[in-house]
C-alpha atoms as a PDB file:
ATOM      1  CA  MET A   1      -0.543   4.759 -56.254  1.00  0.00           C
ATOM      2  CA  ARG A   2       1.828   5.746 -53.837  1.00  0.00           C
ATOM      3  CA  ASN A   3       0.020   5.081 -50.043  1.00  0.00           C
ATOM      4  CA  LYS A   4       0.112   8.990 -48.233  1.00  0.00           C
ATOM      5  CA  ALA A   5       1.107   8.897 -44.637  1.00  0.00           C
ATOM      6  CA  VAL A   6      -1.984  10.171 -42.515  1.00  0.00           C
ATOM      7  CA  PHE A   7      -0.831  11.661 -38.814  1.00  0.00           C
ATOM      8  CA  VAL A   8      -3.102  11.924 -36.136  1.00  0.00           C
ATOM      9  CA  VAL A   9      -2.725  14.831 -33.430  1.00  0.00           C
ATOM     10  CA  PHE A  10      -4.721  15.197 -30.247  1.00  0.00           C
ATOM     11  CA  ILE A  11      -4.737  18.823 -29.310  1.00  0.00           C
ATOM     12  CA  CYS A  12      -6.275  19.469 -25.618  1.00  0.00           C
ATOM     13  CA  GLY A  13      -8.549  16.122 -26.336  1.00  0.00           C
ATOM     14  CA  VAL A  14      -9.595  17.410 -29.760  1.00  0.00           C
ATOM     15  CA  LEU A  15      -8.876  15.033 -32.789  1.00  0.00           C
ATOM     16  CA  LEU A  16      -7.184  17.000 -35.629  1.00  0.00           C
ATOM     17  CA  CYS A  17      -6.523  15.369 -39.262  1.00  0.00           C
ATOM     18  CA  PRO A  18      -4.496  17.372 -41.593  1.00  0.00           C
ATOM     19  CA  GLY A  19      -6.892  18.807 -43.883  1.00  0.00           C
ATOM     20  CA  LYS A  20     -10.365  18.109 -42.621  1.00  0.00           C
ATOM     21  CA  GLY A  21      -9.775  20.363 -39.388  1.00  0.00           C
ATOM     22  CA  PHE A  22     -10.704  19.793 -36.161  1.00  0.00           C
ATOM     23  CA  ALA A  23     -13.046  16.591 -35.713  1.00  0.00           C
ATOM     24  CA  ALA A  24     -15.604  15.870 -32.403  1.00  0.00           C
ATOM     25  CA  PRO A  25     -13.960  16.621 -29.288  1.00  0.00           C
ATOM     26  CA  PHE A  26     -12.702  13.201 -27.471  1.00  0.00           C
ATOM     27  CA  ASP A  27     -14.255  13.047 -23.817  1.00  0.00           C
ATOM     28  CA  SER A  28     -11.759  12.233 -21.112  1.00  0.00           C
ATOM     29  CA  ALA A  29     -13.247   8.516 -20.463  1.00  0.00           C
ATOM     30  CA  SER A  30     -12.748   7.733 -23.801  1.00  0.00           C
ATOM     31  CA  LEU A  31      -9.148   8.507 -23.464  1.00  0.00           C
ATOM     32  CA  LEU A  32      -8.944   7.037 -20.096  1.00  0.00           C
ATOM     33  CA  LYS A  33     -10.285   3.821 -21.782  1.00  0.00           C
ATOM     34  CA  ALA A  34      -7.730   4.351 -24.412  1.00  0.00           C
ATOM     35  CA  TYR A  35      -4.580   4.592 -21.562  1.00  0.00           C
ATOM     36  CA  GLU A  36      -5.742   1.839 -19.638  1.00  0.00           C
ATOM     37  CA  ASP A  37      -6.218  -0.704 -22.857  1.00  0.00           C
ATOM     38  CA  SER A  38      -2.515   0.513 -23.445  1.00  0.00           C
ATOM     39  CA  MET A  39      -1.665  -0.765 -19.955  1.00  0.00           C
ATOM     40  CA  LYS A  40      -3.260  -4.085 -19.835  1.00  0.00           C
ATOM     41  CA  SER A  41      -0.248  -6.311 -21.296  1.00  0.00           C
ATOM     42  CA  LEU A  42       2.591  -4.035 -19.821  1.00  0.00           C
ATOM     43  CA  GLN A  43       0.770  -4.706 -16.180  1.00  0.00           C
ATOM     44  CA  PHE A  44       2.026  -8.551 -16.643  1.00  0.00           C
ATOM     45  CA  VAL A  45       4.958  -7.557 -18.709  1.00  0.00           C
ATOM     46  CA  ARG A  46       6.581  -5.940 -15.812  1.00  0.00           C
ATOM     47  CA  ILE A  47       6.136  -9.309 -13.277  1.00  0.00           C
ATOM     48  CA  ASN A  48       6.576 -11.617 -15.712  1.00  0.00           C
ATOM     49  CA  ALA A  49       9.445 -10.835 -18.036  1.00  0.00           C
ATOM     50  CA  TYR A  50      12.902 -12.670 -18.195  1.00  0.00           C
ATOM     51  CA  GLY A  51      14.928 -10.202 -17.551  1.00  0.00           C
ATOM     52  CA  ASP A  52      15.080  -6.938 -15.706  1.00  0.00           C
ATOM     53  CA  GLN A  53      15.953  -4.550 -18.325  1.00  0.00           C
ATOM     54  CA  GLU A  54      12.030  -5.465 -20.102  1.00  0.00           C
ATOM     55  CA  LYS A  55      10.952  -5.443 -16.736  1.00  0.00           C
ATOM     56  CA  ASP A  56      12.078  -2.084 -16.489  1.00  0.00           C
ATOM     57  CA  ASP A  57      11.412  -0.529 -19.858  1.00  0.00           C
ATOM     58  CA  ALA A  58       7.255  -2.360 -19.704  1.00  0.00           C
ATOM     59  CA  ASN A  59       7.437  -0.367 -16.281  1.00  0.00           C
ATOM     60  CA  ALA A  60       8.525   2.836 -17.825  1.00  0.00           C
ATOM     61  CA  ARG A  61       6.272   2.637 -20.297  1.00  0.00           C
ATOM     62  CA  LEU A  62       3.181   1.886 -17.320  1.00  0.00           C
ATOM     63  CA  PHE A  63       4.144   4.353 -15.334  1.00  0.00           C
ATOM     64  CA  ALA A  64       4.128   7.186 -18.261  1.00  0.00           C
ATOM     65  CA  LEU A  65       0.908   5.807 -19.352  1.00  0.00           C
ATOM     66  CA  MET A  66      -0.867   6.146 -15.897  1.00  0.00           C
ATOM     67  CA  ASN A  67       0.862   9.864 -15.193  1.00  0.00           C
ATOM     68  CA  LYS A  68      -0.908  10.800 -18.179  1.00  0.00           C
ATOM     69  CA  ALA A  69      -4.039   9.430 -17.194  1.00  0.00           C
ATOM     70  CA  LEU A  70      -4.587  10.704 -13.690  1.00  0.00           C
ATOM     71  CA  GLN A  71      -4.018  14.070 -14.877  1.00  0.00           C
ATOM     72  CA  LEU A  72      -7.020  13.616 -16.925  1.00  0.00           C
ATOM     73  CA  SER A  73     -10.599  15.399 -15.661  1.00  0.00           C
ATOM     74  CA  GLY A  74     -12.714  12.181 -14.211  1.00  0.00           C
ATOM     75  CA  SER A  75      -9.675   9.838 -13.353  1.00  0.00           C
ATOM     76  CA  PHE A  76     -10.238  10.044  -9.907  1.00  0.00           C
ATOM     77  CA  GLU A  77     -13.373   8.462 -10.406  1.00  0.00           C
ATOM     78  CA  TYR A  78     -12.282   6.062 -13.064  1.00  0.00           C
ATOM     79  CA  PRO A  79     -11.899   2.708 -11.686  1.00  0.00           C
ATOM     80  CA  PHE A  80      -9.235   0.978 -14.001  1.00  0.00           C
ATOM     81  CA  ASP A  81     -10.725  -2.527 -13.520  1.00  0.00           C
ATOM     82  CA  SER A  82      -8.448  -4.568 -16.174  1.00  0.00           C
ATOM     83  CA  LEU A  83      -5.329  -3.480 -14.375  1.00  0.00           C
ATOM     84  CA  THR A  84      -5.706  -6.199 -11.494  1.00  0.00           C
ATOM     85  CA  THR A  85      -2.056  -6.623 -10.757  1.00  0.00           C
ATOM     86  CA  ILE A  86      -2.016  -2.765  -9.624  1.00  0.00           C
ATOM     87  CA  GLY A  87      -3.426  -1.659  -6.272  1.00  0.00           C
ATOM     88  CA  LYS A  88      -5.912   1.013  -6.095  1.00  0.00           C
ATOM     89  CA  VAL A  89      -7.317   2.150  -2.675  1.00  0.00           C
ATOM     90  CA  THR A  90      -9.790   5.395  -2.333  1.00  0.00           C
ATOM     91  CA  SER A  91     -11.210   7.103   0.916  1.00  0.00           C
ATOM     92  CA  SER A  92     -14.663   6.750   1.869  1.00  0.00           C
ATOM     93  CA  ASP A  93     -14.871  10.550   2.244  1.00  0.00           C
ATOM     94  CA  LYS A  94     -13.498  10.697  -1.382  1.00  0.00           C
ATOM     95  CA  GLN A  95     -10.561  12.845  -0.680  1.00  0.00           C
ATOM     96  CA  ILE A  96      -7.691  10.666  -1.226  1.00  0.00           C
ATOM     97  CA  ARG A  97      -7.065   8.052  -3.844  1.00  0.00           C
ATOM     98  CA  VAL A  98      -3.567   6.224  -3.940  1.00  0.00           C
ATOM     99  CA  ILE A  99      -2.373   3.910  -7.103  1.00  0.00           C
ATOM    100  CA  THR A 100       0.608   1.638  -6.588  1.00  0.00           C
ATOM    101  CA  TRP A 101       2.280  -1.435  -7.854  1.00  0.00           C
ATOM    102  CA  ASP A 102       5.674  -3.594  -7.192  1.00  0.00           C
ATOM    103  CA  VAL A 103       8.434  -4.811  -9.940  1.00  0.00           C
ATOM    104  CA  PRO A 104       9.667  -7.781  -8.683  1.00  0.00           C
ATOM    105  CA  LYS A 105      13.383  -8.234  -9.370  1.00  0.00           C
ATOM    106  CA  SER A 106      16.423 -10.543  -9.903  1.00  0.00           C
ATOM    107  CA  GLY A 107      17.618 -11.524  -6.003  1.00  0.00           C
ATOM    108  CA  SER A 108      13.904 -11.602  -4.895  1.00  0.00           C
ATOM    109  CA  LYS A 109      13.889  -7.705  -4.266  1.00  0.00           C
ATOM    110  CA  PHE A 110      11.133  -5.459  -5.161  1.00  0.00           C
ATOM    111  CA  GLU A 111      10.634  -2.018  -6.419  1.00  0.00           C
ATOM    112  CA  TYR A 112       7.710   0.399  -5.644  1.00  0.00           C
ATOM    113  CA  PHE A 113       5.845   2.760  -7.562  1.00  0.00           C
ATOM    114  CA  GLY A 114       3.029   4.839  -7.195  1.00  0.00           C
ATOM    115  CA  PHE A 115       1.043   7.934  -7.246  1.00  0.00           C
ATOM    116  CA  ILE A 116      -1.500   9.906  -4.672  1.00  0.00           C
ATOM    117  CA  GLN A 117      -4.567  11.774  -6.138  1.00  0.00           C
ATOM    118  CA  SER A 118      -5.544  14.324  -3.181  1.00  0.00           C
ATOM    119  CA  TYR A 119      -8.406  16.712  -3.249  1.00  0.00           C
ATOM    120  CA  ASN A 120      -7.474  20.451  -2.479  1.00  0.00           C
ATOM    121  CA  PRO A 121     -10.322  22.268  -1.323  1.00  0.00           C
ATOM    122  CA  HIS A 122      -8.417  25.655  -1.808  1.00  0.00           C
ATOM    123  CA  LYS A 123      -7.948  25.381  -5.581  1.00  0.00           C
ATOM    124  CA  LYS A 124     -11.096  23.040  -5.516  1.00  0.00           C
ATOM    125  CA  LYS A 125      -9.507  20.281  -7.770  1.00  0.00           C
ATOM    126  CA  TYR A 126      -7.467  17.181  -7.382  1.00  0.00           C
ATOM    127  CA  GLU A 127      -3.699  17.162  -7.559  1.00  0.00           C
ATOM    128  CA  LEU A 128      -1.618  14.488  -8.516  1.00  0.00           C
ATOM    129  CA  PHE A 129       1.785  13.233  -6.433  1.00  0.00           C
ATOM    130  CA  VAL A 130       4.199  10.632  -8.119  1.00  0.00           C
ATOM    131  CA  LEU A 131       5.507   8.276  -5.178  1.00  0.00           C
ATOM    132  CA  LYS A 132       9.255   7.929  -5.415  1.00  0.00           C
ATOM    133  CA  ASP A 133      10.679   4.675  -3.901  1.00  0.00           C
ATOM    134  CA  HIS A 134      13.514   5.394  -1.752  1.00  0.00           C
ATOM    135  CA  THR A 135      13.266   2.612   0.879  1.00  0.00           C
ATOM    136  CA  ASP A 136      17.150   1.854   0.984  1.00  0.00           C
ATOM    137  CA  ASP A 137      17.783   5.827   1.519  1.00  0.00           C
ATOM    138  CA  ILE A 138      15.543   5.978   4.765  1.00  0.00           C
ATOM    139  CA  PRO A 139      17.437   4.960   8.173  1.00  0.00           C
ATOM    140  CA  ASN A 140      14.805   4.354  10.547  1.00  0.00           C
ATOM    141  CA  ILE A 141      11.543   3.057   8.718  1.00  0.00           C
ATOM    142  CA  TRP A 142       9.796   2.741  12.302  1.00  0.00           C
ATOM    143  CA  THR A 143       9.884   6.445  13.045  1.00  0.00           C
ATOM    144  CA  THR A 144      10.754   8.693   9.820  1.00  0.00           C
ATOM    145  CA  THR A 145       7.944  10.694   8.208  1.00  0.00           C
ATOM    146  CA  CYS A 146       8.291  10.059   4.770  1.00  0.00           C
ATOM    147  CA  THR A 147       7.034  12.262   1.718  1.00  0.00           C
ATOM    148  CA  PRO A 148       6.333  11.295  -1.825  1.00  0.00           C
ATOM    149  CA  GLU A 149       9.383  12.636  -3.171  1.00  0.00           C
ATOM    150  CA  LYS A 150      11.197  10.420  -0.305  1.00  0.00           C
ATOM    151  CA  TRP A 151       8.546   7.355   0.083  1.00  0.00           C
ATOM    152  CA  LEU A 152       8.664   3.902   2.129  1.00  0.00           C
ATOM    153  CA  GLY A 153       7.925   1.561  -1.044  1.00  0.00           C
ATOM    154  CA  MET A 154       4.812  -0.897  -0.364  1.00  0.00           C
ATOM    155  CA  LEU A 155       1.502  -1.902  -2.026  1.00  0.00           C
ATOM    156  CA  TYR A 156      -1.413  -0.415  -0.604  1.00  0.00           C
ATOM    157  CA  TYR A 157      -4.581  -2.606  -0.088  1.00  0.00           C
ATOM    158  CA  LYS A 158      -6.670  -0.605   2.171  1.00  0.00           C
ATOM    159  CA  ILE A 159      -7.178   2.733   3.555  1.00  0.00           C
ATOM    160  CA  ILE A 160      -9.296   3.940   6.383  1.00  0.00           C
ATOM    161  CA  LYS A 161     -10.526   7.380   7.135  1.00  0.00           C
ATOM    162  CA  GLU A 162     -10.084   7.923  10.856  1.00  0.00           C
ATOM    163  CA  LYS A 163     -13.431   9.260  12.553  1.00  0.00           C
ATOM    164  CA  GLY A 164     -13.283  13.218  13.922  1.00  0.00           C
ATOM    165  CA  SER A 165      -9.670  13.214  12.419  1.00  0.00           C
ATOM    166  CA  LYS A 166      -7.245  14.054   8.839  1.00  0.00           C
ATOM    167  CA  ASN A 167      -5.687  10.992   9.281  1.00  0.00           C
ATOM    168  CA  TYR A 168      -6.253   7.968   7.113  1.00  0.00           C
ATOM    169  CA  ILE A 169      -4.719   4.501   7.918  1.00  0.00           C
ATOM    170  CA  LEU A 170      -3.286   2.445   4.893  1.00  0.00           C
ATOM    171  CA  LEU A 171      -2.746  -1.380   5.242  1.00  0.00           C
ATOM    172  CA  ALA A 172      -0.024  -2.277   2.950  1.00  0.00           C
ATOM    173  CA  TRP A 173       1.854  -5.371   1.776  1.00  0.00           C
ATOM    174  CA  GLU A 174       5.672  -5.378   1.054  1.00  0.00           C
ATOM    175  CA  GLY A 175       7.489  -8.203  -0.620  1.00  0.00           C
ATOM    176  CA  TRP A 176      11.056  -7.836   1.006  1.00  0.00           C
ATOM    177  CA  ASN A 177      13.340 -10.253   0.220  1.00  0.00           C
ATOM    178  CA  LYS A 178      13.022 -14.165  -0.611  1.00  0.00           C
ATOM    179  CA  LEU A 179      12.815 -14.723   3.095  1.00  0.00           C
ATOM    180  CA  ILE A 180      10.963 -12.596   4.629  1.00  0.00           C
ATOM    181  CA  THR A 181       7.500 -10.350   3.562  1.00  0.00           C
ATOM    182  CA  ARG A 182       6.080  -7.621   5.427  1.00  0.00           C
ATOM    183  CA  LYS A 183       2.675  -6.257   6.685  1.00  0.00           C
ATOM    184  CA  ILE A 184       2.766  -2.863   7.412  1.00  0.00           C
ATOM    185  CA  ILE A 185       0.184  -0.267   9.580  1.00  0.00           C
ATOM    186  CA  ASP A 186       0.992   3.347   7.948  1.00  0.00           C
ATOM    187  CA  ILE A 187      -0.714   6.796   8.622  1.00  0.00           C
ATOM    188  CA  LEU A 188      -1.154   9.259   5.661  1.00  0.00           C
ATOM    189  CA  SER A 189      -2.310  12.798   6.428  1.00  0.00           C
ATOM    190  CA  LEU A 190      -1.941  15.993   4.632  1.00  0.00           C
ATOM    191  CA  ASN A 191       0.504  18.823   5.802  1.00  0.00           C
ATOM    192  CA  ALA A 192      -0.644  22.374   5.701  1.00  0.00           C
ATOM    193  CA  GLN A 193       0.552  23.205   2.404  1.00  0.00           C
ATOM    194  CA  GLY A 194      -1.911  20.058   1.089  1.00  0.00           C
ATOM    195  CA  ILE A 195       1.555  17.776   0.601  1.00  0.00           C
ATOM    196  CA  PRO A 196       0.724  14.046   1.745  1.00  0.00           C
ATOM    197  CA  THR A 197       3.294  12.641   4.142  1.00  0.00           C
ATOM    198  CA  PHE A 198       3.504   9.174   5.736  1.00  0.00           C
ATOM    199  CA  GLY A 199       4.297   8.340   9.124  1.00  0.00           C
ATOM    200  CA  LYS A 200       2.676   9.756  12.663  1.00  0.00           C
ATOM    201  CA  ALA A 201       2.955   8.644  16.148  1.00  0.00           C
ATOM    202  CA  VAL A 202      -0.882   7.812  16.900  1.00  0.00           C
ATOM    203  CA  PHE A 203      -0.661   4.417  18.588  1.00  0.00           C
ATOM    204  CA  GLY A 204      -1.038   3.842  22.186  1.00  0.00           C
ATOM    205  CA  ASP A 205      -0.685   1.151  24.714  1.00  0.00           C
ATOM    206  CA  LEU A 206       1.885  -1.237  22.979  1.00  0.00           C
ATOM    207  CA  PRO A 207       3.834  -4.008  24.752  1.00  0.00           C
ATOM    208  CA  SER A 208       6.614  -2.740  26.855  1.00  0.00           C
ATOM    209  CA  THR A 209       9.116  -4.344  24.550  1.00  0.00           C
ATOM    210  CA  TYR A 210       8.590  -2.123  21.547  1.00  0.00           C
ATOM    211  CA  LYS A 211      10.706   1.331  22.527  1.00  0.00           C
ATOM    212  CA  GLY A 212       9.849   4.772  21.413  1.00  0.00           C
ATOM    213  CA  SER A 213       7.086   6.190  19.524  1.00  0.00           C
ATOM    214  CA  PRO A 214       6.704   4.508  16.438  1.00  0.00           C
ATOM    215  CA  LYS A 215       5.015   6.155  13.120  1.00  0.00           C
ATOM    216  CA  ARG A 216       4.036   3.117  11.679  1.00  0.00           C
ATOM    217  CA  LEU A 217       3.791  -0.668  12.807  1.00  0.00           C
ATOM    218  CA  ILE A 218       5.667  -2.890  10.661  1.00  0.00           C
ATOM    219  CA  PHE A 219       5.356  -7.045  11.136  1.00  0.00           C
ATOM    220  CA  GLU A 220       8.191  -9.167   9.752  1.00  0.00           C
ATOM    221  CA  TYR A 221       7.314 -12.685   8.965  1.00  0.00           C
ATOM    222  CA  SER A 222       8.375 -15.999   7.170  1.00  0.00           C
ATOM    223  CA  ALA A 223       8.075 -15.593   3.360  1.00  0.00           C
ATOM    224  CA  GLN A 224       6.537 -18.967   2.736  1.00  0.00           C
ATOM    225  CA  VAL A 225       3.403 -18.250   5.261  1.00  0.00           C
ATOM    226  CA  PHE A 226       0.298 -15.804   5.090  1.00  0.00           C
ATOM    227  CA  MET A 227      -0.433 -13.199   8.076  1.00  0.00           C
ATOM    228  CA  SER A 228      -3.783 -11.818   8.480  1.00  0.00           C
ATOM    229  CA  LEU A 229      -3.769  -7.638   8.514  1.00  0.00           C
ATOM    230  CA  GLU A 230      -7.292  -6.331   7.982  1.00  0.00           C
ATOM    231  CA  TYR A 231     -10.092  -3.514   9.225  1.00  0.00           C
ATOM    232  CA  ASP A 232     -13.277  -4.952  10.912  1.00  0.00           C
ATOM    233  CA  GLU A 233     -15.546  -1.839  10.777  1.00  0.00           C
ATOM    234  CA  PRO A 234     -17.982  -2.933  12.846  1.00  0.00           C
ATOM    235  CA  LYS A 235     -15.613  -3.067  15.715  1.00  0.00           C
ATOM    236  CA  ASN A 236     -13.396  -0.138  14.296  1.00  0.00           C
ATOM    237  CA  MET A 237     -10.381  -2.252  14.792  1.00  0.00           C
ATOM    238  CA  ILE A 238      -7.416  -3.036  12.616  1.00  0.00           C
ATOM    239  CA  LEU A 239      -7.111  -7.040  13.406  1.00  0.00           C
ATOM    240  CA  PHE A 240      -3.646  -8.854  12.808  1.00  0.00           C
ATOM    241  CA  ASP A 241      -2.346 -12.251  13.671  1.00  0.00           C
ATOM    242  CA  LEU A 242       0.098 -12.383  16.383  1.00  0.00           C
ATOM    243  CA  LEU A 243       3.495 -13.141  15.193  1.00  0.00           C
ATOM    244  CA  GLY A 244       5.862 -15.428  16.920  1.00  0.00           C
ATOM    245  CA  PRO A 245       9.122 -17.619  16.000  1.00  0.00           C
ATOM    246  CA  ALA A 246       8.798 -21.523  15.258  1.00  0.00           C
ATOM    247  CA  GLU A 247      10.873 -22.070  17.988  1.00  0.00           C
ATOM    248  CA  GLU A 248      12.080 -20.291  21.001  1.00  0.00           C
ATOM    249  CA  GLY A 249      15.844 -19.940  20.369  1.00  0.00           C
ATOM    250  CA  LEU A 250      14.762 -18.549  16.951  1.00  0.00           C
ATOM    251  CA  THR A 251      13.624 -14.868  18.829  1.00  0.00           C
ATOM    252  CA  GLY A 252      14.776 -12.014  16.564  1.00  0.00           C
ATOM    253  CA  GLN A 253      15.193 -14.112  13.372  1.00  0.00           C
ATOM    254  CA  HIS A 254      12.033 -13.045  11.560  1.00  0.00           C
ATOM    255  CA  GLN A 255      12.417 -15.282   8.339  1.00  0.00           C
ATOM    256  CA  TYR A 256      11.048 -18.067  11.050  1.00  0.00           C
ATOM    257  CA  TYR A 257       8.418 -16.071  12.228  1.00  0.00           C
ATOM    258  CA  GLY A 258       4.622 -16.955  11.668  1.00  0.00           C
ATOM    259  CA  PRO A 259       0.667 -16.632  12.950  1.00  0.00           C
ATOM    260  CA  SER A 260       0.530 -18.326  16.567  1.00  0.00           C
ATOM    261  CA  PHE A 261      -3.064 -18.740  16.230  1.00  0.00           C
ATOM    262  CA  GLN A 262      -4.010 -15.686  18.546  1.00  0.00           C
ATOM    263  CA  VAL A 263      -5.523 -12.424  16.717  1.00  0.00           C
ATOM    264  CA  ASP A 264      -4.592  -9.089  18.109  1.00  0.00           C
ATOM    265  CA  GLY A 265      -5.954  -5.753  17.225  1.00  0.00           C
ATOM    266  CA  LEU A 266      -5.327  -1.833  17.432  1.00  0.00           C
ATOM    267  CA  ALA A 267      -9.359   0.012  18.759  1.00  0.00           C
ATOM    268  CA  TYR A 268      -9.596   3.630  18.365  1.00  0.00           C
ATOM    269  CA  ASN A 269      -9.976   6.069  20.983  1.00  0.00           C
ATOM    270  CA  SER A 270     -10.014   9.740  20.999  1.00  0.00           C
ATOM    271  CA  GLY A 271      -7.037   9.999  17.937  1.00  0.00           C
ATOM    272  CA  THR A 272      -5.190   7.161  19.374  1.00  0.00           C
ATOM    273  CA  TRP A 273      -5.081   3.278  18.337  1.00  0.00           C
ATOM    274  CA  ASN A 274      -4.529   1.250  21.332  1.00  0.00           C
ATOM    275  CA  TYR A 275      -3.100  -2.048  21.805  1.00  0.00           C
ATOM    276  CA  VAL A 276      -5.725  -4.814  22.491  1.00  0.00           C
ATOM    277  CA  ALA A 277      -4.609  -8.548  22.900  1.00  0.00           C
ATOM    278  CA  ASN A 278      -6.862 -11.596  22.379  1.00  0.00           C
ATOM    279  CA  VAL A 279      -9.581 -10.039  20.416  1.00  0.00           C
ATOM    280  CA  GLN A 280     -12.291 -12.480  20.541  1.00  0.00           C
ATOM    281  CA  VAL A 281     -13.234 -13.096  16.258  1.00  0.00           C
ATOM    282  CA  ARG A 282     -13.598 -16.378  16.264  1.00  0.00           C
ATOM    283  CA  ASN A 283     -14.932 -19.738  18.549  1.00  0.00           C
ATOM    284  CA  PRO A 284     -13.214 -18.782  22.007  1.00  0.00           C
ATOM    285  CA  ASN A 285      -9.846 -21.302  22.586  1.00  0.00           C
ATOM    286  CA  SER A 286     -10.196 -24.345  24.322  1.00  0.00           C
ATOM    287  CA  LYS A 287      -7.726 -26.370  26.001  1.00  0.00           C
ATOM    288  CA  GLU A 288      -8.432 -29.653  24.507  1.00  0.00           C
ATOM    289  CA  ASP A 289      -7.671 -27.702  21.271  1.00  0.00           C
ATOM    290  CA  LYS A 290      -4.395 -28.418  20.020  1.00  0.00           C
ATOM    291  CA  LEU A 291      -3.481 -24.991  18.678  1.00  0.00           C
ATOM    292  CA  PHE A 292      -4.366 -23.444  21.672  1.00  0.00           C
ATOM    293  CA  ASN A 293      -1.785 -21.192  23.377  1.00  0.00           C
ATOM    294  CA  ASP A 294      -1.731 -20.864  27.040  1.00  0.00           C
ATOM    295  CA  PRO A 295      -1.292 -16.823  27.432  1.00  0.00           C
ATOM    296  CA  LYS A 296       0.295 -18.190  31.336  1.00  0.00           C
ATOM    297  CA  ASN A 297       2.971 -20.562  29.021  1.00  0.00           C
ATOM    298  CA  PRO A 298       6.679 -18.435  28.897  1.00  0.00           C
ATOM    299  CA  SER A 299       6.776 -19.614  25.216  1.00  0.00           C
ATOM    300  CA  TYR A 300       3.454 -17.370  24.303  1.00  0.00           C
ATOM    301  CA  GLN A 301       4.892 -14.211  26.588  1.00  0.00           C
ATOM    302  CA  LEU A 302       7.916 -14.936  24.478  1.00  0.00           C
ATOM    303  CA  LYS A 303       5.633 -14.415  20.971  1.00  0.00           C
ATOM    304  CA  LYS A 304       4.196 -11.356  22.239  1.00  0.00           C
ATOM    305  CA  GLN A 305       6.977  -9.868  22.915  1.00  0.00           C
ATOM    306  CA  ALA A 306       8.778 -10.444  19.625  1.00  0.00           C
ATOM    307  CA  ILE A 307       5.683  -8.575  17.606  1.00  0.00           C
ATOM    308  CA  TYR A 308       7.016  -5.037  17.388  1.00  0.00           C
ATOM    309  CA  SER A 309      11.136  -5.578  17.769  1.00  0.00           C
ATOM    310  CA  PRO A 310      12.759  -3.829  14.951  1.00  0.00           C
ATOM    311  CA  LYS A 311      15.872  -5.115  13.736  1.00  0.00           C
END
């Protein structure tokens, strides 16, 4: 007896079987779970595949599935918990969700992908924006305002709703190359058309060595070390390791930069994030401590000047 092929078709979330008519409708949660299950293995192939072509193929499938999933009703609240290699941050006011991931390429390069779900109060629904990585086409990454169509690619791990404003602070990681890693403080806001934009001049009292009015802060340091960049909610401060060169003669060569055992920060006040040096977040330094950095030492001042200096 010849086997007959059976085709299953989804129409508007309803299962249709030939010869049987319409079956029970599928709820969006079931569809979201199905999409998530399909993305589980792809998230690892895009990282661990042997060649770039295999990574790109897996990522293209992952991207297409995520695009479809995020257009479903209820997707904003869906956690995608099994997608552990993908960054997912949601604002405390539930107005913004940002999903990002990277694809490591040969030559220690990275390409970034992502989506933003943003609530439109006029349409009373969430709108979906595709993030397109154009890092190489952005002339000045410190001062350029970016859009989803021309985005400075990075992996977001924290979103902070500014109190009393419509701005959102994003903390991000960016693998730049085999020598340098970046961490970034970026600003997300919605323009008059409801389109997300990145970058805004909200930083005050920065070290005098930093020229101009940056729209984001970028920290570059050795890919061999770890830099902390976190938000302290009780203090309402962004805290970060003070970076400096391993030796004075290496100033400006960020592949040799690392934490200098001091924590600095940005404190929010009336729409501005103001620089604060030497935030006491741990036991006070002591001159008996071998890791103590004396602020009167010229080498300490040199390290402080190097934090925000763009290439």
